[in-house]
Amino acid sequence: MIKTASKIIKQLSSEPPKLFLIDSIGALTTSFFLFVVLRNFNEYFGMPERILTYLSVIAVFFCIYSTTCFFVIKANWTPFIKIISIANLLYCVLTISLVIFYNPQLTIIGTAYFVGEIAIIIGLVYIELNVANDIKKIRIVKYKND
C-alpha cells in the first residue's frame, strides 16, 4: 500500500493539475451525495437535512476552488495544494464533530457513510501534502542545479 501511495505521489508531483482535477471530482461527488442522496433518503442516514445542506455547500466551494486551480494555475502549485489540503482537513474535523454531536440520531449506515468519507478525504490530504512537499523539493533541486 505504501508503494502504491508513493507511486501516486510521484505521478501527481509531475502533473499537479491532475491533483486538482481529482479533488474537484471528489468534492462534486461529495456534494451530490450529501445534497441529493442523503437528504432524499434521510431516514436511512439520520443527519439533519440542514446540516447536509451546509456540508454540501462547503463541498461545492471546494469543487469550485479546485476546478479554478486546475484551469488557471500554471506554476507555483504548492501554496494552492496546501490551501485545499488544509481546507479538506478542516472539513474532516467539522464532519467528525458533527458525527459525534448527532451520533444519537445517526443510523449505522449514516455513521458508516461519514466515517468512509472522512477516511477517503484523509487519504487525499496525505497525498496532497506529500505532493506539495515533493514539488517544493523538486523546485529546490532545480534551483540549485541552475
C-alpha atoms as a PDB file:
ATOM      1  CA  MET A   1       0.000   0.000   0.000  1.00  0.00           C
ATOM      2  CA  ILE A   2       2.865   2.374   0.811  1.00  0.00           C
ATOM      3  CA  LYS A   3       4.439   1.646  -2.585  1.00  0.00           C
ATOM      4  CA  THR A   4       1.140   2.479  -4.270  1.00  0.00           C
ATOM      5  CA  ALA A   5       0.848   5.762  -2.372  1.00  0.00           C
ATOM      6  CA  SER A   6       4.452   6.618  -3.267  1.00  0.00           C
ATOM      7  CA  LYS A   7       3.753   5.939  -6.950  1.00  0.00           C
ATOM      8  CA  ILE A   8       0.640   8.130  -6.864  1.00  0.00           C
ATOM      9  CA  ILE A   9       2.531  10.929  -5.105  1.00  0.00           C
ATOM     10  CA  LYS A  10       5.375  10.758  -7.625  1.00  0.00           C
ATOM     11  CA  GLN A  11       2.942  10.757 -10.564  1.00  0.00           C
ATOM     12  CA  LEU A  12       0.928  13.699  -9.230  1.00  0.00           C
ATOM     13  CA  SER A  13       4.088  15.639  -8.325  1.00  0.00           C
ATOM     14  CA  SER A  14       4.970  15.676 -12.017  1.00  0.00           C
ATOM     15  CA  GLU A  15       1.386  16.556 -13.021  1.00  0.00           C
ATOM     16  CA  PRO A  16      -0.116  18.793 -10.273  1.00  0.00           C
ATOM     17  CA  PRO A  17      -3.203  19.797 -12.288  1.00  0.00           C
ATOM     18  CA  LYS A  18      -4.423  16.191 -12.046  1.00  0.00           C
ATOM     19  CA  LEU A  19      -4.473  16.519  -8.263  1.00  0.00           C
ATOM     20  CA  PHE A  20      -6.864  19.471  -8.522  1.00  0.00           C
ATOM     21  CA  LEU A  21      -8.985  17.556 -11.019  1.00  0.00           C
ATOM     22  CA  ILE A  22      -9.215  14.593  -8.617  1.00  0.00           C
ATOM     23  CA  ASP A  23     -10.042  16.923  -5.735  1.00  0.00           C
ATOM     24  CA  SER A  24     -12.748  18.741  -7.696  1.00  0.00           C
ATOM     25  CA  ILE A  25     -14.385  15.494  -8.830  1.00  0.00           C
ATOM     26  CA  GLY A  26     -14.296  14.234  -5.242  1.00  0.00           C
ATOM     27  CA  ALA A  27     -15.835  17.442  -3.911  1.00  0.00           C
ATOM     28  CA  LEU A  28     -18.542  17.349  -6.575  1.00  0.00           C
ATOM     29  CA  THR A  29     -19.298  13.716  -5.724  1.00  0.00           C
ATOM     30  CA  THR A  30     -19.465  14.541  -2.018  1.00  0.00           C
ATOM     31  CA  SER A  31     -21.790  17.450  -2.680  1.00  0.00           C
ATOM     32  CA  PHE A  32     -24.058  15.295  -4.837  1.00  0.00           C
ATOM     33  CA  PHE A  33     -24.277  12.527  -2.243  1.00  0.00           C
ATOM     34  CA  LEU A  34     -24.908  14.938   0.629  1.00  0.00           C
ATOM     35  CA  PHE A  35     -27.451  17.126  -1.141  1.00  0.00           C
ATOM     36  CA  VAL A  36     -29.262  14.616  -3.327  1.00  0.00           C
ATOM     37  CA  VAL A  37     -28.856  11.134  -1.891  1.00  0.00           C
ATOM     38  CA  LEU A  38     -28.549  11.643   1.878  1.00  0.00           C
ATOM     39  CA  ARG A  39     -31.179  14.394   2.038  1.00  0.00           C
ATOM     40  CA  ASN A  40     -33.709  12.398  -0.006  1.00  0.00           C
ATOM     41  CA  PHE A  41     -33.130   9.190   1.960  1.00  0.00           C
ATOM     42  CA  ASN A  42     -32.534  10.862   5.305  1.00  0.00           C
ATOM     43  CA  GLU A  43     -34.350   8.180   7.295  1.00  0.00           C
ATOM     44  CA  TYR A  44     -31.528   5.775   6.357  1.00  0.00           C
ATOM     45  CA  PHE A  45     -28.735   8.130   7.443  1.00  0.00           C
ATOM     46  CA  GLY A  46     -30.061  10.335  10.242  1.00  0.00           C
ATOM     47  CA  MET A  47     -28.051  13.536   9.798  1.00  0.00           C
ATOM     48  CA  PRO A  48     -30.355  16.603   9.831  1.00  0.00           C
ATOM     49  CA  GLU A  49     -31.137  17.907   6.352  1.00  0.00           C
ATOM     50  CA  ARG A  50     -29.976  21.410   7.281  1.00  0.00           C
ATOM     51  CA  ILE A  51     -26.521  20.053   8.199  1.00  0.00           C
ATOM     52  CA  LEU A  52     -26.348  18.030   4.970  1.00  0.00           C
ATOM     53  CA  THR A  53     -27.126  21.193   3.019  1.00  0.00           C
ATOM     54  CA  TYR A  54     -24.342  23.146   4.769  1.00  0.00           C
ATOM     55  CA  LEU A  55     -21.826  20.357   4.188  1.00  0.00           C
ATOM     56  CA  SER A  56     -22.790  20.109   0.522  1.00  0.00           C
ATOM     57  CA  VAL A  57     -22.359  23.877   0.062  1.00  0.00           C
ATOM     58  CA  ILE A  58     -18.858  23.636   1.545  1.00  0.00           C
ATOM     59  CA  ALA A  59     -18.094  20.782  -0.870  1.00  0.00           C
ATOM     60  CA  VAL A  60     -19.319  22.914  -3.797  1.00  0.00           C
ATOM     61  CA  PHE A  61     -16.916  25.697  -2.776  1.00  0.00           C
ATOM     62  CA  PHE A  62     -14.072  23.164  -2.646  1.00  0.00           C
ATOM     63  CA  CYS A  63     -15.076  21.951  -6.096  1.00  0.00           C
ATOM     64  CA  ILE A  64     -15.058  25.498  -7.465  1.00  0.00           C
ATOM     65  CA  TYR A  65     -11.653  26.204  -5.891  1.00  0.00           C
ATOM     66  CA  SER A  66     -10.052  23.026  -7.234  1.00  0.00           C
ATOM     67  CA  THR A  67     -11.598  23.447 -10.678  1.00  0.00           C
ATOM     68  CA  THR A  68     -10.343  27.030 -10.827  1.00  0.00           C
ATOM     69  CA  CYS A  69      -6.844  25.908  -9.821  1.00  0.00           C
ATOM     70  CA  PHE A  70      -6.971  23.161 -12.450  1.00  0.00           C
ATOM     71  CA  PHE A  71      -7.722  25.646 -15.235  1.00  0.00           C
ATOM     72  CA  VAL A  72      -5.961  28.810 -14.046  1.00  0.00           C
ATOM     73  CA  ILE A  73      -2.801  27.963 -12.110  1.00  0.00           C
ATOM     74  CA  LYS A  74       0.147  27.292 -14.398  1.00  0.00           C
ATOM     75  CA  ALA A  75       3.072  27.367 -11.934  1.00  0.00           C
ATOM     76  CA  ASN A  76       3.858  27.571  -8.215  1.00  0.00           C
ATOM     77  CA  TRP A  77       1.339  24.868  -7.313  1.00  0.00           C
ATOM     78  CA  THR A  78       2.497  24.293  -3.742  1.00  0.00           C
ATOM     79  CA  PRO A  79       0.564  27.040  -1.888  1.00  0.00           C
ATOM     80  CA  PHE A  80      -2.657  26.203  -3.714  1.00  0.00           C
ATOM     81  CA  ILE A  81      -2.296  22.495  -2.935  1.00  0.00           C
ATOM     82  CA  LYS A  82      -1.633  23.303   0.717  1.00  0.00           C
ATOM     83  CA  ILE A  83      -4.730  25.509   0.871  1.00  0.00           C
ATOM     84  CA  ILE A  84      -7.046  22.784  -0.388  1.00  0.00           C
ATOM     85  CA  SER A  85      -5.407  20.123   1.772  1.00  0.00           C
ATOM     86  CA  ILE A  86      -5.850  22.234   4.919  1.00  0.00           C
ATOM     87  CA  ALA A  87      -9.429  23.026   3.881  1.00  0.00           C
ATOM     88  CA  ASN A  88     -10.089  19.304   3.390  1.00  0.00           C
ATOM     89  CA  LEU A  89      -8.592  18.557   6.790  1.00  0.00           C
ATOM     90  CA  LEU A  90     -10.795  21.197   8.440  1.00  0.00           C
ATOM     91  CA  TYR A  91     -13.804  19.711   6.647  1.00  0.00           C
ATOM     92  CA  CYS A  92     -12.910  16.349   8.223  1.00  0.00           C
ATOM     93  CA  VAL A  93     -12.661  17.933  11.677  1.00  0.00           C
ATOM     94  CA  LEU A  94     -16.059  19.552  11.152  1.00  0.00           C
ATOM     95  CA  THR A  95     -17.578  16.281   9.940  1.00  0.00           C
ATOM     96  CA  ILE A  96     -16.134  14.315  12.874  1.00  0.00           C
ATOM     97  CA  SER A  97     -17.556  16.927  15.248  1.00  0.00           C
ATOM     98  CA  LEU A  98     -20.980  16.676  13.623  1.00  0.00           C
ATOM     99  CA  VAL A  99     -20.911  12.873  13.715  1.00  0.00           C
ATOM    100  CA  ILE A 100     -20.113  12.994  17.435  1.00  0.00           C
ATOM    101  CA  PHE A 101     -22.763  15.655  18.122  1.00  0.00           C
ATOM    102  CA  TYR A 102     -25.513  13.969  16.098  1.00  0.00           C
ATOM    103  CA  ASN A 103     -24.459  10.416  16.937  1.00  0.00           C
ATOM    104  CA  PRO A 104     -27.727   9.594  18.759  1.00  0.00           C
ATOM    105  CA  GLN A 105     -29.658  10.438  15.570  1.00  0.00           C
ATOM    106  CA  LEU A 106     -27.331   8.745  13.077  1.00  0.00           C
ATOM    107  CA  THR A 107     -28.062   5.282  11.802  1.00  0.00           C
ATOM    108  CA  ILE A 108     -25.334   2.702  11.334  1.00  0.00           C
ATOM    109  CA  ILE A 109     -25.403   3.440   7.599  1.00  0.00           C
ATOM    110  CA  GLY A 110     -25.128   7.169   8.294  1.00  0.00           C
ATOM    111  CA  THR A 111     -22.163   6.709  10.587  1.00  0.00           C
ATOM    112  CA  ALA A 112     -20.515   4.353   8.077  1.00  0.00           C
ATOM    113  CA  TYR A 113     -21.011   6.889   5.273  1.00  0.00           C
ATOM    114  CA  PHE A 114     -19.363   9.712   7.198  1.00  0.00           C
ATOM    115  CA  VAL A 115     -16.514   7.545   8.504  1.00  0.00           C
ATOM    116  CA  GLY A 116     -15.876   6.360   4.938  1.00  0.00           C
ATOM    117  CA  GLU A 117     -15.968   9.892   3.589  1.00  0.00           C
ATOM    118  CA  ILE A 118     -13.543  11.055   6.278  1.00  0.00           C
ATOM    119  CA  ALA A 119     -11.172   8.150   5.549  1.00  0.00           C
ATOM    120  CA  ILE A 120     -11.135   8.946   1.828  1.00  0.00           C
ATOM    121  CA  ILE A 121     -10.543  12.654   2.435  1.00  0.00           C
ATOM    122  CA  ILE A 122      -7.765  11.967   4.964  1.00  0.00           C
ATOM    123  CA  GLY A 123      -6.092   9.775   2.329  1.00  0.00           C
ATOM    124  CA  LEU A 124      -6.405  12.594  -0.193  1.00  0.00           C
ATOM    125  CA  VAL A 125      -4.963  15.101   2.312  1.00  0.00           C
ATOM    126  CA  TYR A 126      -1.993  12.784   2.886  1.00  0.00           C
ATOM    127  CA  ILE A 127      -1.359  12.617  -0.857  1.00  0.00           C
ATOM    128  CA  GLU A 128      -1.873  16.375  -1.329  1.00  0.00           C
ATOM    129  CA  LEU A 129       0.579  17.339   1.414  1.00  0.00           C
ATOM    130  CA  ASN A 130       3.186  14.876   0.141  1.00  0.00           C
ATOM    131  CA  VAL A 131       2.768  16.127  -3.428  1.00  0.00           C
ATOM    132  CA  ALA A 132       3.201  19.721  -2.210  1.00  0.00           C
ATOM    133  CA  ASN A 133       6.393  18.720  -0.386  1.00  0.00           C
ATOM    134  CA  ASP A 134       7.718  16.797  -3.416  1.00  0.00           C
ATOM    135  CA  ILE A 135       7.070  19.740  -5.741  1.00  0.00           C
ATOM    136  CA  LYS A 136       8.887  22.016  -3.317  1.00  0.00           C
ATOM    137  CA  LYS A 137      11.881  19.612  -3.203  1.00  0.00           C
ATOM    138  CA  ILE A 138      11.933  19.370  -6.996  1.00  0.00           C
ATOM    139  CA  ARG A 139      11.979  23.177  -7.279  1.00  0.00           C
ATOM    140  CA  ILE A 140      14.824  23.428  -4.755  1.00  0.00           C
ATOM    141  CA  VAL A 141      16.887  20.842  -6.655  1.00  0.00           C
ATOM    142  CA  LYS A 142      16.248  22.628  -9.976  1.00  0.00           C
ATOM    143  CA  TYR A 143      17.175  25.957  -8.422  1.00  0.00           C
ATOM    144  CA  LYS A 144      20.450  24.581  -7.043  1.00  0.00           C
ATOM    145  CA  ASN A 145      21.325  22.984 -10.397  1.00  0.00           C
ATOM    146  CA  ASP A 146      20.684  26.181 -12.404  1.00  0.00           C
END
